[in-house]
Protein backbone atom coordinates (compact mmCIF):
# COMPACT_ATOMS: atom_id res chain seq x y z
CA MET A 1 175.21 74.28 81.77
CA ILE A 2 175.38 71.90 84.94
CA LYS A 3 172.15 70.08 85.46
CA ASN A 4 170.90 70.54 88.73
CA TYR A 5 170.94 66.84 89.62
CA LEU A 6 174.72 67.09 88.69
CA LYS A 7 175.45 70.54 91.40
CA ALA A 8 173.03 68.34 94.05
CA HIS A 9 174.72 64.49 93.63
CA GLY A 10 178.28 65.05 91.73
CA LYS A 11 180.18 66.76 95.10
CA TYR A 12 179.37 63.31 96.69
CA VAL A 13 180.00 61.63 93.52
CA PHE A 14 183.68 63.76 93.22
CA ILE A 15 184.70 63.18 97.22
CA ASN A 16 184.00 59.46 97.05
CA GLY A 17 186.19 59.44 94.24
CA ILE A 18 189.36 60.93 96.05
CA ILE A 19 188.46 59.27 99.07
CA ALA A 20 188.63 55.62 97.77
CA GLY A 21 191.51 56.44 95.63
CA LEU A 22 193.39 57.47 98.29
CA LEU A 23 192.32 54.65 100.19
CA ILE A 24 193.58 52.49 96.90
CA ALA A 25 197.03 54.16 95.69
CA LEU A 26 198.32 53.32 99.71
CA VAL A 27 197.45 49.67 98.73
CA GLY A 28 198.64 50.47 94.75
CA ALA A 29 201.87 51.91 96.71
CA SER A 30 202.62 49.24 99.11
CA LEU A 31 201.84 46.54 96.24
CA GLY A 32 204.69 48.77 93.58
CA LEU A 33 206.90 48.42 97.16
CA LEU A 34 206.65 44.68 96.94
CA TRP A 35 207.17 44.49 93.41
CA SER A 36 210.17 46.59 93.43
CA LYS A 37 210.89 43.67 96.78
CA LEU A 38 210.40 40.54 94.65
CA PHE A 39 212.04 41.94 91.44
CA SER A 40 214.43 44.19 91.55
CA PRO A 41 215.86 44.80 95.61
CA GLU A 42 218.84 47.53 94.99
CA GLY A 43 218.63 51.10 93.65
CA TRP A 44 215.88 53.67 93.45
CA GLY A 45 213.66 51.28 91.95
CA GLY A 46 211.29 50.60 94.95
CA LEU A 47 210.35 54.34 94.65
CA LEU A 48 209.50 54.21 91.09
CA TYR A 49 207.47 51.23 90.96
CA ALA A 50 205.83 52.31 94.83
CA MET A 51 204.89 56.11 92.68
CA ARG A 52 203.26 53.94 89.83
CA GLY A 53 201.45 51.76 91.71
CA ALA A 54 200.04 54.64 94.13
CA VAL A 55 199.53 56.44 90.36
CA TRP A 56 197.64 53.78 88.49
CA GLY A 57 196.10 52.57 92.14
CA TYR A 58 194.49 55.83 92.43
CA GLY A 59 193.00 56.05 88.89
CA VAL A 60 191.45 52.82 89.79
CA GLY A 61 189.98 53.34 93.11
CA VAL A 62 188.72 56.98 92.12
CA ALA A 63 186.47 54.88 89.46
CA LEU A 64 185.04 52.69 92.22
CA GLY A 65 184.39 55.28 94.39
CA ALA A 66 182.99 57.32 91.97
CA PHE A 67 180.69 54.05 90.55
CA LYS A 68 179.73 53.55 94.40
CA ALA A 69 178.71 56.76 95.38
CA HIS A 70 176.27 57.55 91.48
CA ARG A 71 174.66 53.67 92.00
CA ASN A 72 174.19 54.91 95.97
CA ASN A 73 172.00 57.93 94.42
CA GLY A 74 170.06 55.70 91.99
CA GLY A 75 171.69 56.59 89.09
CA LYS A 76 171.71 54.11 86.47
CA CYS A 77 175.61 53.57 84.57
CA SER A 78 178.45 51.26 84.23
CA LEU A 79 181.41 51.11 85.41
CA SER A 80 183.18 51.03 82.42
CA ARG A 81 182.54 54.47 81.70
CA ALA A 82 183.80 55.53 85.93
CA PHE A 83 186.85 53.25 84.75
CA TYR A 84 187.79 54.86 81.11
CA SER A 85 186.77 58.57 82.23
CA THR A 86 189.18 58.36 84.40
CA MET A 87 192.06 56.10 83.14
CA SER A 88 191.43 59.21 80.10
CA ALA A 89 191.89 62.14 82.63
CA LEU A 90 195.08 60.22 84.79
CA LEU A 91 196.65 59.83 81.07
CA ALA A 92 196.09 62.89 80.13
CA VAL A 93 197.71 64.87 82.91
CA ILE A 94 200.31 62.91 82.86
CA PHE A 95 201.00 63.08 79.26
CA LEU A 96 200.29 66.61 78.98
CA ALA A 97 202.49 67.72 82.14
CA GLU A 98 205.29 68.07 79.53
CA PRO A 99 203.63 70.77 77.03
CA LEU A 100 201.87 72.06 79.99
CA ARG A 101 204.72 72.46 81.95
CA LEU A 102 202.65 71.29 85.15
CA GLN A 103 206.35 69.54 86.15
CA ILE A 104 208.17 73.14 87.03
CA PHE A 105 205.18 73.35 90.45
CA LEU A 106 204.83 70.59 91.72
CA PRO A 107 202.00 71.09 94.03
CA LEU A 108 199.95 72.20 90.73
CA MET A 109 201.05 68.70 88.75
CA TRP A 110 200.42 66.31 92.13
CA GLY A 111 196.80 68.77 92.61
CA ALA A 112 196.06 67.95 88.63
CA LEU A 113 196.60 64.50 89.17
CA ILE A 114 194.28 64.51 92.45
CA LEU A 115 192.02 66.69 91.54
CA PHE A 116 191.50 65.75 87.72
CA PRO A 117 190.11 62.84 87.26
CA PRO A 118 187.06 62.37 89.87
CA PHE A 119 186.36 65.74 88.24
CA VAL A 120 186.10 63.96 85.12
CA ALA A 121 184.92 60.36 85.94
CA ALA A 122 181.42 62.74 87.70
CA LEU A 123 181.31 64.35 84.41
CA PHE A 124 180.78 61.05 82.17
CA LEU A 125 178.90 59.06 85.29
CA TYR A 126 176.06 62.36 84.91
CA GLU A 127 176.17 62.71 80.91
CA ARG A 128 173.19 61.65 78.93
CA THR A 129 173.07 61.17 75.47
CA GLY A 130 169.79 61.02 73.86
CA GLU A 131 167.81 62.26 76.59
């Protein structure tokens, strides 16, 4: 059962993770485009590098945003907990897209990529062991 503290502050962590993730995703996409211009200037490489940079940048941004929001609410946690939970959720969506048939309906896949990592980060940041 979700505690009252998670109900009150979990939404703030969730929303802050999404906003920070989208901002860092723009930086990641820009770095991906720059990387493609330097190392593979022809073909579809620019789009692929931009998408890769945006997805990984979003994961890092969600981890940083959720950690910052959790720290502002007086929570005690580590950045590694936010980072590992976000990246594991992101990899779970990426690797389970084919078995779960998420690629059939792209808004569902992109919705899962956007909403699942901050949700998992909020849950793992508020998880208490031994209490």
